[in-house]
Amino acid sequence: MTTSIQTRSLNLAILTVSDSRGAGEDTSGQYLEDSVLAAGHQVISRRILPDDVYLVRALISRWIAEPDVHGVLITGGTGFHERDSTPEAVTPLLDKIIEGFGEEFRRLSAEEIGSSTVQSRAFGGLANHTVIFCLPGSTGACRTGWEGILQYQLSGTQKPCNFVALVSRKPESPVGRLNEIIGSKAIR
């Protein structure tokens, strides 16, 4: 039996970017995981990485290449602290930027935190038919992004448009052979 695009369950990966949070303190990642599962989607991977451009870029690159990852939700690293580098890590990987995501997030956020929302560098994009959404690290910001935008855009029932049909066309790729071809560790 095939699943219609309208009711398709997506495979999502969640990344928390933080220099200070471990699994027990990751309330933002936990909120996103709980919300994704409650919406009927699957969480196929959840990770916490320090705010390091190259570690974040490497993991997101792998998820983009995986044929069974439809979307990536990232929390953290989007502010203006000198260590905040999620936009710098992720935007070079994008085929297209979803301009409206950051705009709408800041509009919704302004209702909650006022002009402080101008310091948010939340953004979204698309790479290899994988949607990627980057949210601030606070649980409140993740709630704003999920409840105001993401739960609808990751649902095939949202009209007039959503991202489900687009990510459902993700091409199969030989990523399963990635470690075999290039190895999983640097070789001298």
C-alpha atoms as a PDB file:
ATOM      1  CA  MET A   1       0.000   0.000   0.000  1.00  0.00           C
ATOM      2  CA  THR A   2       1.428   3.392  -0.935  1.00  0.00           C
ATOM      3  CA  THR A   3       1.238   6.405   1.320  1.00  0.00           C
ATOM      4  CA  SER A   4      -0.268   9.515  -0.235  1.00  0.00           C
ATOM      5  CA  ILE A   5       1.836  12.640  -0.256  1.00  0.00           C
ATOM      6  CA  GLN A   6      -0.806  14.338   1.876  1.00  0.00           C
ATOM      7  CA  THR A   7      -0.330  11.873   4.723  1.00  0.00           C
ATOM      8  CA  ARG A   8       3.340  11.060   4.192  1.00  0.00           C
ATOM      9  CA  SER A   9       5.467  10.589   7.274  1.00  0.00           C
ATOM     10  CA  LEU A  10       8.815  12.317   6.792  1.00  0.00           C
ATOM     11  CA  ASN A  11      12.195  11.193   8.096  1.00  0.00           C
ATOM     12  CA  LEU A  12      13.748  14.082   9.968  1.00  0.00           C
ATOM     13  CA  ALA A  13      17.135  14.564  11.606  1.00  0.00           C
ATOM     14  CA  ILE A  14      17.629  16.943  14.529  1.00  0.00           C
ATOM     15  CA  LEU A  15      20.857  18.714  15.435  1.00  0.00           C
ATOM     16  CA  THR A  16      21.495  20.821  18.511  1.00  0.00           C
ATOM     17  CA  VAL A  17      24.501  23.111  18.127  1.00  0.00           C
ATOM     18  CA  SER A  18      25.835  24.000  21.567  1.00  0.00           C
ATOM     19  CA  ASP A  19      29.120  24.337  23.400  1.00  0.00           C
ATOM     20  CA  SER A  20      27.411  23.964  26.771  1.00  0.00           C
ATOM     21  CA  ARG A  21      24.498  21.531  26.525  1.00  0.00           C
ATOM     22  CA  GLY A  22      24.632  17.803  26.926  1.00  0.00           C
ATOM     23  CA  ALA A  23      21.802  15.351  26.340  1.00  0.00           C
ATOM     24  CA  GLY A  24      20.245  16.071  29.748  1.00  0.00           C
ATOM     25  CA  GLU A  25      20.102  19.835  29.155  1.00  0.00           C
ATOM     26  CA  ASP A  26      18.955  19.759  25.535  1.00  0.00           C
ATOM     27  CA  THR A  27      15.375  20.915  26.079  1.00  0.00           C
ATOM     28  CA  SER A  28      15.212  22.476  22.611  1.00  0.00           C
ATOM     29  CA  GLY A  29      16.236  19.295  20.807  1.00  0.00           C
ATOM     30  CA  GLN A  30      13.839  17.328  22.986  1.00  0.00           C
ATOM     31  CA  TYR A  31      10.998  19.731  22.192  1.00  0.00           C
ATOM     32  CA  LEU A  32      11.656  19.327  18.463  1.00  0.00           C
ATOM     33  CA  GLU A  33      11.857  15.536  18.738  1.00  0.00           C
ATOM     34  CA  ASP A  34       8.598  15.348  20.708  1.00  0.00           C
ATOM     35  CA  SER A  35       6.869  17.669  18.224  1.00  0.00           C
ATOM     36  CA  VAL A  36       8.114  15.769  15.175  1.00  0.00           C
ATOM     37  CA  LEU A  37       6.913  12.455  16.608  1.00  0.00           C
ATOM     38  CA  ALA A  38       3.548  13.916  17.681  1.00  0.00           C
ATOM     39  CA  ALA A  39       3.036  15.114  14.093  1.00  0.00           C
ATOM     40  CA  GLY A  40       3.485  11.539  12.833  1.00  0.00           C
ATOM     41  CA  HIS A  41       6.980  11.915  11.425  1.00  0.00           C
ATOM     42  CA  GLN A  42      10.086   9.859  12.227  1.00  0.00           C
ATOM     43  CA  VAL A  43      13.254  11.097  13.937  1.00  0.00           C
ATOM     44  CA  ILE A  44      15.956   9.053  12.276  1.00  0.00           C
ATOM     45  CA  SER A  45      18.877  10.788  13.955  1.00  0.00           C
ATOM     46  CA  ARG A  46      19.390  13.278  16.765  1.00  0.00           C
ATOM     47  CA  ARG A  47      22.796  14.714  17.589  1.00  0.00           C
ATOM     48  CA  ILE A  48      24.451  17.417  19.679  1.00  0.00           C
ATOM     49  CA  LEU A  49      27.600  19.051  18.315  1.00  0.00           C
ATOM     50  CA  PRO A  50      29.756  21.910  19.552  1.00  0.00           C
ATOM     51  CA  ASP A  51      29.544  25.176  17.644  1.00  0.00           C
ATOM     52  CA  ASP A  52      32.234  24.253  15.124  1.00  0.00           C
ATOM     53  CA  VAL A  53      31.694  25.157  11.472  1.00  0.00           C
ATOM     54  CA  TYR A  54      33.416  22.063  10.100  1.00  0.00           C
ATOM     55  CA  LEU A  55      31.789  19.506  12.394  1.00  0.00           C
ATOM     56  CA  VAL A  56      28.338  20.957  11.708  1.00  0.00           C
ATOM     57  CA  ARG A  57      29.005  21.155   7.974  1.00  0.00           C
ATOM     58  CA  ALA A  58      30.266  17.540   7.857  1.00  0.00           C
ATOM     59  CA  LEU A  59      27.203  16.132   9.637  1.00  0.00           C
ATOM     60  CA  ILE A  60      24.707  18.197   7.632  1.00  0.00           C
ATOM     61  CA  SER A  61      26.484  17.195   4.395  1.00  0.00           C
ATOM     62  CA  ARG A  62      26.075  13.540   5.316  1.00  0.00           C
ATOM     63  CA  TRP A  63      22.372  13.985   6.105  1.00  0.00           C
ATOM     64  CA  ILE A  64      21.809  15.897   2.850  1.00  0.00           C
ATOM     65  CA  ALA A  65      23.391  13.014   0.915  1.00  0.00           C
ATOM     66  CA  GLU A  66      21.379  10.301   2.697  1.00  0.00           C
ATOM     67  CA  PRO A  67      18.410   9.315   0.519  1.00  0.00           C
ATOM     68  CA  ASP A  68      16.200   8.558   3.535  1.00  0.00           C
ATOM     69  CA  VAL A  69      16.605  11.991   5.224  1.00  0.00           C
ATOM     70  CA  HIS A  70      13.858  14.346   4.062  1.00  0.00           C
ATOM     71  CA  GLY A  71      14.578  17.224   6.406  1.00  0.00           C
ATOM     72  CA  VAL A  72      16.936  18.562   9.042  1.00  0.00           C
ATOM     73  CA  LEU A  73      15.968  20.706  12.017  1.00  0.00           C
ATOM     74  CA  ILE A  74      18.847  22.572  13.650  1.00  0.00           C
ATOM     75  CA  THR A  75      18.629  24.478  16.918  1.00  0.00           C
ATOM     76  CA  GLY A  76      21.371  26.764  18.158  1.00  0.00           C
ATOM     77  CA  GLY A  77      24.275  28.744  16.810  1.00  0.00           C
ATOM     78  CA  THR A  78      22.138  31.345  14.999  1.00  0.00           C
ATOM     79  CA  GLY A  79      22.829  34.386  17.210  1.00  0.00           C
ATOM     80  CA  PHE A  80      25.598  36.967  17.191  1.00  0.00           C
ATOM     81  CA  HIS A  81      27.928  35.561  19.836  1.00  0.00           C
ATOM     82  CA  GLU A  82      31.422  35.077  18.416  1.00  0.00           C
ATOM     83  CA  ARG A  83      30.972  31.280  18.580  1.00  0.00           C
ATOM     84  CA  ASP A  84      27.579  31.280  16.792  1.00  0.00           C
ATOM     85  CA  SER A  85      28.339  29.840  13.375  1.00  0.00           C
ATOM     86  CA  THR A  86      25.403  27.734  12.186  1.00  0.00           C
ATOM     87  CA  PRO A  87      24.594  30.037   9.225  1.00  0.00           C
ATOM     88  CA  GLU A  88      28.242  30.051   8.163  1.00  0.00           C
ATOM     89  CA  ALA A  89      28.374  26.252   8.414  1.00  0.00           C
ATOM     90  CA  VAL A  90      25.130  25.470   6.602  1.00  0.00           C
ATOM     91  CA  THR A  91      24.468  28.129   3.955  1.00  0.00           C
ATOM     92  CA  PRO A  92      27.357  27.039   1.660  1.00  0.00           C
ATOM     93  CA  LEU A  93      25.659  23.630   1.442  1.00  0.00           C
ATOM     94  CA  LEU A  94      22.303  24.978   0.235  1.00  0.00           C
ATOM     95  CA  ASP A  95      21.024  24.836  -3.322  1.00  0.00           C
ATOM     96  CA  LYS A  96      18.332  27.395  -2.480  1.00  0.00           C
ATOM     97  CA  ILE A  97      17.538  29.606   0.500  1.00  0.00           C
ATOM     98  CA  ILE A  98      13.952  29.692   1.771  1.00  0.00           C
ATOM     99  CA  GLU A  99      13.834  33.470   2.250  1.00  0.00           C
ATOM    100  CA  GLY A 100      10.350  33.482   3.749  1.00  0.00           C
ATOM    101  CA  PHE A 101      11.230  31.152   6.612  1.00  0.00           C
ATOM    102  CA  GLY A 102      13.576  33.566   8.381  1.00  0.00           C
ATOM    103  CA  GLU A 103      11.270  36.487   7.654  1.00  0.00           C
ATOM    104  CA  GLU A 104       8.208  34.715   9.035  1.00  0.00           C
ATOM    105  CA  PHE A 105      10.107  33.393  12.046  1.00  0.00           C
ATOM    106  CA  ARG A 106      11.245  36.899  12.982  1.00  0.00           C
ATOM    107  CA  ARG A 107       7.723  38.276  12.459  1.00  0.00           C
ATOM    108  CA  LEU A 108       6.265  35.660  14.812  1.00  0.00           C
ATOM    109  CA  SER A 109       9.129  36.066  17.261  1.00  0.00           C
ATOM    110  CA  ALA A 110       8.675  39.855  17.418  1.00  0.00           C
ATOM    111  CA  GLU A 111       5.233  39.278  18.923  1.00  0.00           C
ATOM    112  CA  GLU A 112       6.954  37.402  21.770  1.00  0.00           C
ATOM    113  CA  ILE A 113      10.314  39.124  22.316  1.00  0.00           C
ATOM    114  CA  GLY A 114       9.960  42.467  20.559  1.00  0.00           C
ATOM    115  CA  SER A 115      12.865  44.032  18.727  1.00  0.00           C
ATOM    116  CA  SER A 116      15.318  41.464  20.128  1.00  0.00           C
ATOM    117  CA  THR A 117      14.216  39.284  17.220  1.00  0.00           C
ATOM    118  CA  VAL A 118      16.526  41.284  14.916  1.00  0.00           C
ATOM    119  CA  GLN A 119      19.404  39.333  16.479  1.00  0.00           C
ATOM    120  CA  SER A 120      18.004  36.045  15.193  1.00  0.00           C
ATOM    121  CA  ARG A 121      19.662  34.622  12.119  1.00  0.00           C
ATOM    122  CA  ALA A 122      17.076  31.845  11.754  1.00  0.00           C
ATOM    123  CA  PHE A 123      16.928  30.607   8.176  1.00  0.00           C
ATOM    124  CA  GLY A 124      15.810  27.758   5.963  1.00  0.00           C
ATOM    125  CA  GLY A 125      17.037  26.205   2.786  1.00  0.00           C
ATOM    126  CA  LEU A 126      16.984  23.284   0.419  1.00  0.00           C
ATOM    127  CA  ALA A 127      19.805  20.952  -0.642  1.00  0.00           C
ATOM    128  CA  ASN A 128      19.388  17.723  -2.632  1.00  0.00           C
ATOM    129  CA  HIS A 129      15.623  17.716  -2.002  1.00  0.00           C
ATOM    130  CA  THR A 130      16.284  17.986   1.747  1.00  0.00           C
ATOM    131  CA  VAL A 131      14.719  20.888   3.651  1.00  0.00           C
ATOM    132  CA  ILE A 132      16.864  22.407   6.366  1.00  0.00           C
ATOM    133  CA  PHE A 133      15.545  24.771   9.021  1.00  0.00           C
ATOM    134  CA  CYS A 134      17.827  26.538  11.501  1.00  0.00           C
ATOM    135  CA  LEU A 135      16.292  27.926  14.666  1.00  0.00           C
ATOM    136  CA  PRO A 136      17.716  29.736  17.679  1.00  0.00           C
ATOM    137  CA  GLY A 137      18.775  27.587  20.622  1.00  0.00           C
ATOM    138  CA  SER A 138      16.043  28.511  23.094  1.00  0.00           C
ATOM    139  CA  THR A 139      13.140  26.146  23.605  1.00  0.00           C
ATOM    140  CA  GLY A 140      10.751  29.098  23.198  1.00  0.00           C
ATOM    141  CA  ALA A 141      12.218  29.887  19.777  1.00  0.00           C
ATOM    142  CA  CYS A 142      11.896  26.231  18.742  1.00  0.00           C
ATOM    143  CA  ARG A 143       8.262  26.294  19.858  1.00  0.00           C
ATOM    144  CA  THR A 144       7.636  29.485  17.850  1.00  0.00           C
ATOM    145  CA  GLY A 145       9.230  27.971  14.745  1.00  0.00           C
ATOM    146  CA  TRP A 146       7.469  24.623  15.048  1.00  0.00           C
ATOM    147  CA  GLU A 147       4.011  25.830  16.022  1.00  0.00           C
ATOM    148  CA  GLY A 148       3.999  28.853  13.723  1.00  0.00           C
ATOM    149  CA  ILE A 149       5.619  27.439  10.586  1.00  0.00           C
ATOM    150  CA  LEU A 150       7.207  24.001  10.526  1.00  0.00           C
ATOM    151  CA  GLN A 151       4.304  21.813  11.590  1.00  0.00           C
ATOM    152  CA  TYR A 152       2.364  23.178   8.617  1.00  0.00           C
ATOM    153  CA  GLN A 153       5.125  23.220   6.015  1.00  0.00           C
ATOM    154  CA  LEU A 154       6.069  19.615   6.848  1.00  0.00           C
ATOM    155  CA  SER A 155       2.461  18.466   6.456  1.00  0.00           C
ATOM    156  CA  GLY A 156       1.147  17.345   3.088  1.00  0.00           C
ATOM    157  CA  THR A 157      -2.276  18.691   4.028  1.00  0.00           C
ATOM    158  CA  GLN A 158      -1.118  22.339   4.215  1.00  0.00           C
ATOM    159  CA  LYS A 159      -2.593  24.282   1.292  1.00  0.00           C
ATOM    160  CA  PRO A 160      -1.790  25.885  -1.051  1.00  0.00           C
ATOM    161  CA  CYS A 161       1.770  24.573  -0.707  1.00  0.00           C
ATOM    162  CA  ASN A 162       4.176  22.721   1.560  1.00  0.00           C
ATOM    163  CA  PHE A 163       7.529  20.950   1.280  1.00  0.00           C
ATOM    164  CA  VAL A 164       6.290  17.336   1.388  1.00  0.00           C
ATOM    165  CA  ALA A 165       5.981  16.804  -2.367  1.00  0.00           C
ATOM    166  CA  LEU A 166       9.406  18.328  -2.950  1.00  0.00           C
ATOM    167  CA  VAL A 167      11.272  16.200  -0.409  1.00  0.00           C
ATOM    168  CA  SER A 168       9.373  13.121  -1.567  1.00  0.00           C
ATOM    169  CA  ARG A 169      11.232  13.391  -4.886  1.00  0.00           C
ATOM    170  CA  LYS A 170      14.660  13.043  -3.275  1.00  0.00           C
ATOM    171  CA  PRO A 171      16.837  10.955  -5.594  1.00  0.00           C
ATOM    172  CA  GLU A 172      18.397   7.706  -4.523  1.00  0.00           C
ATOM    173  CA  SER A 173      22.146   8.002  -4.243  1.00  0.00           C
ATOM    174  CA  PRO A 174      25.078   5.687  -3.523  1.00  0.00           C
ATOM    175  CA  VAL A 175      25.726   7.334  -0.154  1.00  0.00           C
ATOM    176  CA  GLY A 176      25.673   3.933   1.523  1.00  0.00           C
ATOM    177  CA  ARG A 177      29.019   3.341  -0.123  1.00  0.00           C
ATOM    178  CA  LEU A 178      30.444   6.666   1.065  1.00  0.00           C
ATOM    179  CA  ASN A 179      32.674   5.168   3.743  1.00  0.00           C
ATOM    180  CA  GLU A 180      33.736   2.421   1.367  1.00  0.00           C
ATOM    181  CA  ILE A 181      34.729   4.931  -1.306  1.00  0.00           C
ATOM    182  CA  ILE A 182      36.304   7.761   0.703  1.00  0.00           C
ATOM    183  CA  GLY A 183      36.683   6.141   4.119  1.00  0.00           C
ATOM    184  CA  SER A 184      35.368   7.229   7.456  1.00  0.00           C
ATOM    185  CA  LYS A 185      38.703   8.563   8.742  1.00  0.00           C
ATOM    186  CA  ALA A 186      41.538  10.519   7.289  1.00  0.00           C
ATOM    187  CA  ILE A 187      44.176   8.291   5.756  1.00  0.00           C
ATOM    188  CA  ARG A 188      47.823   9.235   5.345  1.00  0.00           C
END
